[in-house]
Protein backbone atom coordinates (compact mmCIF):
# COMPACT_ATOMS: atom_id res chain seq x y z
CA MET A 1 -44.76 17.77 27.26
CA ARG A 2 -46.91 15.53 29.67
CA SER A 3 -45.19 15.26 32.71
CA SER A 4 -45.26 11.50 34.83
CA PRO A 5 -45.51 11.05 38.34
CA HIS A 6 -42.53 10.34 40.35
CA ARG A 7 -42.38 8.05 43.16
CA PRO A 8 -39.04 6.98 45.47
CA ARG A 9 -36.81 3.62 43.92
CA THR A 10 -36.14 0.86 46.70
CA LEU A 11 -32.38 0.17 46.83
CA ARG A 12 -33.57 -3.24 45.17
CA GLY A 13 -34.98 -1.09 42.46
CA LEU A 14 -31.78 1.09 41.91
CA CYS A 15 -29.60 -2.69 41.95
CA GLY A 16 -32.00 -3.87 39.15
CA ALA A 17 -31.65 -1.06 37.25
CA LEU A 18 -27.75 -0.34 37.60
CA LEU A 19 -27.24 -4.32 36.34
CA THR A 20 -29.67 -4.02 33.47
CA ALA A 21 -27.56 -0.59 32.61
CA LEU A 22 -24.48 -2.39 32.98
CA ALA A 23 -25.38 -5.71 30.84
CA THR A 24 -26.46 -2.89 27.55
CA VAL A 25 -23.21 -1.31 27.53
CA ALA A 26 -21.39 -4.86 27.66
CA ALA A 27 -24.06 -6.36 24.87
CA LEU A 28 -23.03 -2.88 22.99
CA MET A 29 -19.64 -3.40 23.16
CA THR A 30 -19.89 -6.53 22.15
CA ALA A 31 -22.03 -6.00 19.36
CA ALA A 32 -19.72 -2.77 18.17
CA PRO A 33 -16.41 -2.87 18.65
CA ALA A 34 -14.51 0.14 18.44
CA ALA A 35 -12.97 1.02 14.97
CA ARG A 36 -9.09 0.72 14.52
CA ALA A 37 -7.57 4.28 16.01
CA ASP A 38 -6.34 6.43 12.65
CA THR A 39 -2.24 6.21 12.53
CA THR A 40 -1.00 9.89 12.18
CA LEU A 41 2.92 9.94 10.12
CA CYS A 42 5.02 12.99 10.30
CA GLU A 43 7.96 11.59 9.85
CA GLN A 44 9.68 12.11 6.41
CA TYR A 45 9.03 8.98 5.01
CA GLY A 46 7.14 7.31 7.51
CA THR A 47 4.78 4.29 6.08
CA THR A 48 1.77 2.03 8.13
CA VAL A 49 -0.41 -0.41 6.55
CA ILE A 50 -4.21 -0.25 6.11
CA GLN A 51 -6.54 -3.16 5.64
CA GLY A 52 -3.95 -5.44 5.96
CA ARG A 53 -2.92 -5.30 2.76
CA TYR A 54 -2.13 -1.63 1.45
CA VAL A 55 0.40 0.95 2.80
CA VAL A 56 0.28 4.09 3.38
CA GLN A 57 3.22 6.57 3.19
CA ASN A 58 4.29 10.07 4.33
CA ASN A 59 6.92 10.34 1.75
CA ARG A 60 7.81 14.01 1.67
CA TRP A 61 11.39 15.32 -0.32
CA GLY A 62 11.08 18.54 -1.49
CA THR A 63 10.66 20.48 1.63
CA GLY A 64 12.04 20.37 5.25
CA ALA A 65 8.73 21.84 6.60
CA THR A 66 6.41 19.52 8.23
CA GLN A 67 3.92 17.14 6.35
CA CYS A 68 1.78 14.60 8.21
CA VAL A 69 -0.66 12.46 6.84
CA THR A 70 -3.68 10.36 9.06
CA ALA A 71 -4.31 7.03 7.49
CA THR A 72 -7.64 6.11 8.12
CA ASP A 73 -9.22 2.39 7.79
CA THR A 74 -9.78 3.17 4.03
CA GLY A 75 -7.10 5.48 2.92
CA PHE A 76 -5.77 8.93 4.28
CA ARG A 77 -5.97 12.80 4.84
CA ILE A 78 -3.21 15.39 4.82
CA THR A 79 -3.77 16.79 8.45
CA GLN A 80 -0.61 19.25 8.44
CA ALA A 81 1.39 20.43 5.13
CA ASP A 82 4.03 23.59 6.13
CA GLY A 83 6.22 25.10 3.45
CA SER A 84 5.63 25.53 -0.06
CA VAL A 85 8.47 25.06 -3.49
CA PRO A 86 8.28 27.17 -6.76
CA THR A 87 5.28 25.77 -9.04
CA ASN A 88 7.66 25.74 -12.13
CA GLY A 89 9.74 22.88 -10.40
CA ALA A 90 9.02 19.93 -9.01
CA PRO A 91 6.26 19.44 -6.12
CA LYS A 92 7.44 19.26 -2.36
CA SER A 93 6.15 15.50 -1.63
CA TYR A 94 4.12 12.61 -2.62
CA PRO A 95 2.07 11.43 0.23
CA SER A 96 0.16 8.12 -0.84
CA VAL A 97 -1.50 4.67 -0.73
CA PHE A 98 -0.24 1.61 -2.87
CA ASN A 99 0.22 -1.84 -3.65
CA GLY A 100 3.19 -3.46 -4.87
CA CYS A 101 6.91 -2.54 -3.77
CA HIS A 102 8.11 1.30 -3.92
CA TYR A 103 11.65 2.00 -2.33
CA THR A 104 12.17 -1.66 -0.66
CA THR A 105 8.50 -1.64 0.91
CA CYS A 106 5.97 -3.95 -0.75
CA SER A 107 2.90 -3.76 0.91
CA PRO A 108 1.51 -6.89 2.79
CA GLY A 109 0.66 -10.13 0.19
CA THR A 110 0.92 -7.93 -2.88
CA SER A 111 1.24 -10.25 -6.19
CA LEU A 112 3.72 -7.31 -7.38
CA PRO A 113 5.95 -7.10 -9.29
CA ALA A 114 4.46 -9.19 -12.13
CA ARG A 115 5.17 -9.35 -15.92
CA ILE A 116 2.97 -6.97 -17.91
CA SER A 117 1.77 -10.05 -20.64
CA GLY A 118 0.66 -12.07 -17.89
CA ILE A 119 -1.73 -10.06 -16.04
CA THR A 120 -4.76 -9.85 -17.61
CA SER A 121 -6.77 -7.07 -15.42
CA ALA A 122 -5.84 -4.65 -13.11
CA PRO A 123 -9.19 -3.36 -11.90
CA SER A 124 -8.97 -0.33 -9.07
CA SER A 125 -10.85 2.08 -7.38
CA ILE A 126 -10.37 5.91 -6.13
CA SER A 127 -12.03 8.07 -4.52
CA TYR A 128 -10.37 12.04 -3.74
CA GLY A 129 -11.48 14.34 -1.39
CA TYR A 130 -10.14 18.05 -2.55
CA VAL A 131 -9.63 21.18 -0.60
CA ASP A 132 -9.31 25.11 -1.84
CA GLY A 133 -6.39 27.44 -1.08
CA ALA A 134 -3.69 24.88 -2.11
CA VAL A 135 -1.32 23.92 -5.27
CA TYR A 136 -1.65 20.29 -6.33
CA ASN A 137 -2.21 17.57 -8.43
CA ALA A 138 -4.41 14.42 -7.34
CA SER A 139 -2.22 11.63 -9.17
CA TYR A 140 -2.36 8.10 -9.32
CA ASP A 141 1.10 6.85 -10.40
CA ILE A 142 1.70 3.53 -12.04
CA TRP A 143 5.22 2.20 -12.19
CA LEU A 144 6.92 -0.32 -14.92
CA ASP A 145 10.50 -1.57 -15.00
CA PRO A 146 12.57 -4.25 -16.93
CA THR A 147 13.42 -6.18 -14.23
CA PRO A 148 11.16 -7.25 -10.79
CA ARG A 149 12.85 -4.77 -8.60
CA THR A 150 11.38 -4.00 -5.31
CA ASP A 151 13.78 -1.04 -4.36
CA GLY A 152 14.86 2.15 -5.94
CA VAL A 153 13.59 3.99 -9.52
CA ASN A 154 11.75 1.93 -11.75
CA ARG A 155 12.20 2.99 -15.96
CA THR A 156 8.66 4.44 -16.67
CA GLU A 157 6.40 6.23 -14.14
CA ILE A 158 2.67 6.58 -15.56
CA MET A 159 0.67 9.55 -13.61
CA ILE A 160 -2.79 9.68 -14.33
CA TRP A 161 -3.80 13.74 -13.01
CA PHE A 162 -7.52 13.49 -11.40
CA ASN A 163 -7.11 16.83 -10.76
CA ARG A 164 -4.83 20.16 -10.80
CA VAL A 165 -5.00 23.28 -9.49
CA GLY A 166 -3.20 26.06 -10.06
CA PRO A 167 -0.23 27.42 -12.34
CA ILE A 168 1.58 23.28 -12.71
CA GLN A 169 1.71 21.27 -15.42
CA PRO A 170 3.39 17.50 -16.18
CA ILE A 171 7.21 16.98 -16.74
CA GLY A 172 8.09 17.42 -20.34
CA SER A 173 5.72 18.95 -23.04
CA GLN A 174 1.93 18.14 -24.66
CA VAL A 175 2.13 15.40 -26.93
CA GLY A 176 -1.64 14.77 -28.05
CA THR A 177 -4.68 13.68 -26.85
CA ALA A 178 -6.04 9.81 -25.97
CA THR A 179 -9.04 8.08 -25.22
CA VAL A 180 -8.18 5.51 -22.02
CA GLY A 181 -10.50 3.88 -19.84
CA GLY A 182 -13.42 5.05 -22.07
CA ARG A 183 -12.08 9.05 -21.02
CA THR A 184 -10.62 11.49 -22.98
CA TRP A 185 -6.72 12.89 -21.44
CA GLN A 186 -4.13 15.02 -22.20
CA VAL A 187 -1.04 13.38 -22.60
CA TRP A 188 2.13 14.38 -21.91
CA THR A 189 5.76 12.76 -21.94
CA GLY A 190 9.16 13.40 -20.60
CA SER A 191 11.81 12.46 -18.14
CA ASN A 192 12.86 13.60 -14.61
CA GLY A 193 16.04 12.80 -14.87
CA SER A 194 16.04 9.66 -13.29
CA ASN A 195 12.94 8.47 -14.89
CA ASP A 196 11.10 8.42 -18.23
CA VAL A 197 7.03 9.93 -17.81
CA ILE A 198 4.16 9.24 -19.48
CA SER A 199 1.11 11.78 -18.03
CA PHE A 200 -2.23 11.06 -18.86
CA VAL A 201 -4.36 14.58 -17.57
CA ALA A 202 -7.92 14.93 -17.12
CA PRO A 203 -9.60 17.86 -18.76
CA SER A 204 -11.56 18.66 -15.14
CA ALA A 205 -11.50 17.23 -11.73
CA ILE A 206 -12.64 13.40 -11.50
CA THR A 207 -13.43 12.62 -7.85
CA SER A 208 -14.02 9.07 -7.81
CA TRP A 209 -13.01 6.18 -10.99
CA SER A 210 -13.18 2.62 -11.24
CA PHE A 211 -11.13 1.93 -13.66
CA ASP A 212 -8.52 -1.07 -14.80
CA VAL A 213 -4.81 -0.29 -14.71
CA MET A 214 -3.98 -2.42 -17.60
CA ASP A 215 -5.77 0.31 -20.04
CA PHE A 216 -3.07 3.11 -19.27
CA VAL A 217 -0.26 -0.27 -19.20
CA ARG A 218 -1.26 -0.76 -23.13
CA GLN A 219 -1.42 2.56 -23.75
CA THR A 220 1.98 3.37 -22.67
CA VAL A 221 3.31 0.09 -24.36
CA SER A 222 2.21 1.08 -27.31
CA ARG A 223 3.92 4.47 -27.56
CA GLY A 224 6.97 2.62 -26.97
CA MET A 225 7.58 3.75 -23.16
CA ALA A 226 7.35 0.26 -22.01
CA GLN A 227 7.40 -3.59 -23.43
CA ASN A 228 5.28 -6.17 -22.30
CA ASP A 229 7.75 -8.26 -21.31
CA TRP A 230 8.60 -5.53 -18.29
CA TYR A 231 6.97 -5.91 -14.94
CA LEU A 232 4.39 -3.50 -13.04
CA THR A 233 5.84 -3.36 -9.91
CA SER A 234 3.40 -0.40 -8.04
CA VAL A 235 0.16 1.21 -8.18
CA GLN A 236 -0.17 4.49 -5.83
CA ALA A 237 -2.79 7.03 -5.22
CA GLY A 238 -2.25 10.48 -3.84
CA PHE A 239 -1.24 14.17 -4.12
CA GLU A 240 1.25 16.34 -5.04
CA PRO A 241 1.71 19.82 -3.63
CA TRP A 242 3.40 22.35 -4.08
CA GLN A 243 1.39 25.07 -1.84
CA ASN A 244 -0.70 24.15 1.37
CA GLY A 245 -2.90 20.83 0.80
CA THR A 246 -3.90 20.13 4.58
CA GLY A 247 -7.23 18.98 4.21
CA LEU A 248 -6.68 16.46 1.25
CA THR A 249 -8.43 13.34 1.49
CA VAL A 250 -7.85 9.76 -0.74
CA ASN A 251 -11.39 8.64 1.06
CA SER A 252 -11.41 5.26 -0.75
CA PHE A 253 -8.54 3.03 -2.30
CA SER A 254 -8.33 -0.67 -3.66
CA SER A 255 -6.10 -2.31 -6.13
CA THR A 256 -6.50 -6.14 -7.17
CA VAL A 257 -3.97 -7.70 -9.90
CA VAL A 258 -5.51 -10.67 -11.87
CA THR A 259 -2.81 -12.73 -13.53
CA GLY A 260 -2.35 -15.11 -16.60
CA THR A 261 -3.38 -18.97 -16.85
CA PRO A 262 -0.90 -21.40 -14.64
CA GLY A 263 1.72 -22.22 -17.06
CA GLY A 264 0.87 -19.24 -19.42
CA PRO A 265 3.32 -16.70 -19.70
CA GLY A 266 3.61 -14.02 -16.57
CA GLY A 267 1.00 -16.61 -15.08
CA PRO A 268 1.60 -17.83 -11.63
CA GLY A 269 5.24 -19.78 -11.15
CA GLY A 270 6.48 -17.31 -13.58
CA PRO A 271 9.35 -14.94 -12.41
CA GLY A 272 7.67 -12.15 -9.65
CA GLU A 273 4.58 -14.07 -9.93
CA PRO A 274 3.11 -16.05 -6.68
CA ALA A 275 4.57 -19.88 -6.07
CA ALA A 276 2.38 -22.79 -6.70
CA GLY A 277 2.86 -23.73 -3.20
CA CYS A 278 5.03 -22.79 -0.17
CA ARG A 279 5.60 -23.97 3.26
CA VAL A 280 6.75 -21.59 6.17
CA THR A 281 8.42 -22.50 9.69
CA TYR A 282 9.08 -20.62 12.47
CA ALA A 283 12.09 -21.89 15.02
CA THR A 284 11.92 -19.55 17.97
CA ASN A 285 13.90 -18.43 21.22
CA VAL A 286 12.00 -16.82 23.61
CA TRP A 287 12.88 -14.86 26.88
CA THR A 288 10.66 -12.67 28.90
CA GLY A 289 10.10 -9.78 26.67
CA GLY A 290 11.92 -10.97 24.10
CA PHE A 291 12.73 -13.40 21.40
CA THR A 292 14.42 -14.29 18.22
CA ALA A 293 12.97 -16.68 15.32
CA ASP A 294 14.28 -18.38 12.07
CA VAL A 295 12.15 -18.65 9.46
CA THR A 296 12.22 -20.85 6.82
CA ILE A 297 10.58 -20.88 3.29
CA THR A 298 10.12 -24.04 1.12
CA ASN A 299 9.12 -23.72 -2.53
CA THR A 300 6.94 -26.87 -2.98
CA GLY A 301 5.63 -25.44 -6.46
CA PRO A 302 7.41 -26.20 -9.45
CA SER A 303 8.72 -23.41 -10.72
CA PRO A 304 11.16 -21.12 -9.12
CA VAL A 305 10.00 -17.87 -7.02
CA GLU A 306 12.02 -14.88 -7.51
CA PRO A 307 12.05 -12.32 -6.12
CA TRP A 308 10.49 -13.50 -2.66
CA ARG A 309 8.38 -11.95 -0.64
CA LEU A 310 6.46 -13.30 2.73
CA ALA A 311 3.98 -11.10 4.03
CA PHE A 312 2.92 -12.69 7.95
CA THR A 313 1.17 -10.96 11.08
CA LEU A 314 2.95 -10.87 14.47
CA PRO A 315 0.67 -11.59 17.66
CA ALA A 316 -0.53 -8.26 19.31
CA GLY A 317 2.11 -6.95 21.60
CA GLN A 318 4.74 -7.85 18.89
CA ARG A 319 7.41 -5.72 17.49
CA ILE A 320 10.41 -6.32 15.48
CA THR A 321 13.87 -4.39 16.59
CA GLN A 322 15.94 -6.32 13.87
CA ALA A 323 16.43 -8.98 10.76
CA TRP A 324 18.49 -10.48 8.55
CA ASN A 325 19.45 -12.01 5.64
CA ALA A 326 16.03 -10.13 4.67
CA THR A 327 14.45 -6.49 4.98
CA VAL A 328 11.33 -6.97 6.78
CA SER A 329 8.96 -3.40 7.35
CA PRO A 330 6.33 -2.42 9.12
CA SER A 331 7.76 -3.60 12.96
CA SER A 332 4.52 -4.41 13.84
CA GLY A 333 0.86 -5.71 12.85
CA THR A 334 1.18 -7.25 9.28
CA VAL A 335 4.85 -7.11 7.81
CA THR A 336 6.57 -7.81 4.71
CA ALA A 337 9.94 -9.77 4.48
CA ASN A 338 11.81 -9.06 1.35
CA ALA A 339 14.78 -11.08 -0.22
CA LEU A 340 17.88 -9.39 -0.45
CA ALA A 341 20.49 -9.42 -3.87
CA HIS A 342 22.08 -12.44 -2.83
CA ASN A 343 18.61 -15.12 -1.55
CA GLY A 344 16.43 -13.73 -4.06
CA THR A 345 15.51 -17.10 -6.01
CA ILE A 346 13.66 -19.86 -4.25
CA ALA A 347 14.35 -22.91 -6.87
CA PRO A 348 11.52 -25.65 -6.98
CA GLY A 349 11.67 -27.82 -3.73
CA GLY A 350 14.25 -25.66 -2.33
CA SER A 351 14.23 -22.96 0.88
CA ARG A 352 15.38 -19.82 2.18
CA THR A 353 15.89 -19.06 5.53
CA PHE A 354 15.60 -15.09 7.24
CA GLY A 355 15.43 -14.20 11.20
CA PHE A 356 14.91 -11.27 13.21
CA GLN A 357 14.56 -10.68 16.68
CA GLY A 358 11.68 -8.95 18.39
CA THR A 359 10.53 -7.62 21.79
CA TYR A 360 6.51 -8.92 23.32
CA SER A 361 4.20 -8.27 26.41
CA GLY A 362 1.71 -10.72 27.29
CA THR A 363 2.06 -14.16 26.39
CA PHE A 364 4.10 -15.08 23.39
CA ALA A 365 2.37 -16.76 20.06
CA GLN A 366 4.20 -17.53 16.87
CA PRO A 367 2.96 -14.99 13.58
CA THR A 368 0.19 -16.05 11.46
CA GLY A 369 -1.63 -16.06 7.83
CA SER A 370 1.82 -16.55 6.09
CA ALA A 371 1.58 -15.99 2.04
CA LEU A 372 4.57 -16.02 -0.28
CA ASN A 373 4.08 -13.56 -3.32
CA GLY A 374 0.39 -13.81 -2.58
CA THR A 375 -0.09 -17.29 -2.32
CA ALA A 376 -1.28 -18.77 1.53
CA CYS A 377 1.84 -21.07 3.03
CA ALA A 378 0.85 -24.20 4.89
């Protein structure tokens, strides 16, 4: 290696070099801001939002052992999966990422629930990362109900098994095969005691796929396990582990629901669908480090909104500590307020008010980006 001659630097030269280096670092920091730090959830039903539109949930119910998932910018990975359960029974958990509403938690700005007859397509894509040394399935779940419910258990669950490892099988029994989305699947049907289940099982592992959720919904309707006037309430992608599961990953997930033409069956303005227009106002009371906000939603469209869901983004440093006349989650970032049973409808020209209390740091500011059932509000 050829060497170059060395010579001593003057103080002026050293200062100039230091300023040049600092300027270079500043330029790099401006050009490439640090990515959002991953969020780890170890709480039994802990949730967080990714991409401002999907919810990652830990969702552990079948064991008291610790399970942790780490939400990334595009999906999640299981980082701890202690405990095991018998392989002839239910799994120990279903960590997943979802679009829609699941047990009172709705993803920000979602258009779900939506009437099946009004959905023209529901394109989705999923990429999985698998591991050895575990017993699990990789399952994409689709939930249907006769009502546009945003809590509790839905009537029918569609499961798409992208992969299964170990001596496990779907609920019920195999009733045949079917070609859906251009692929051949084993079809199983049964009940878990709370809801009906239809499972489409891939004969070999699928690591990634882009497809239309409605192909599976229509197949389920054709088999009499749902009706066209029912509602699609959520779509979810994750894993059901029985033993271990550390390292299983949803690399990426996307979900979109395309509804029919305005005024048509199930189109915008129908029950559970986006309103044609809305207006949101915030009345706040602020003190040092804390505040309350009364939020009024006005339906400026021609049709009722039922049930209503308002998504909005809290400024950095704000956190909600309690709410009234709505359930609001998560407590910071992009949040969603969901109607209660007694105030779930907003008539044309009508309004609903809910409120919340919170804390803040720095300079107080009002929320931004309000959207009613997926429609941006003035």
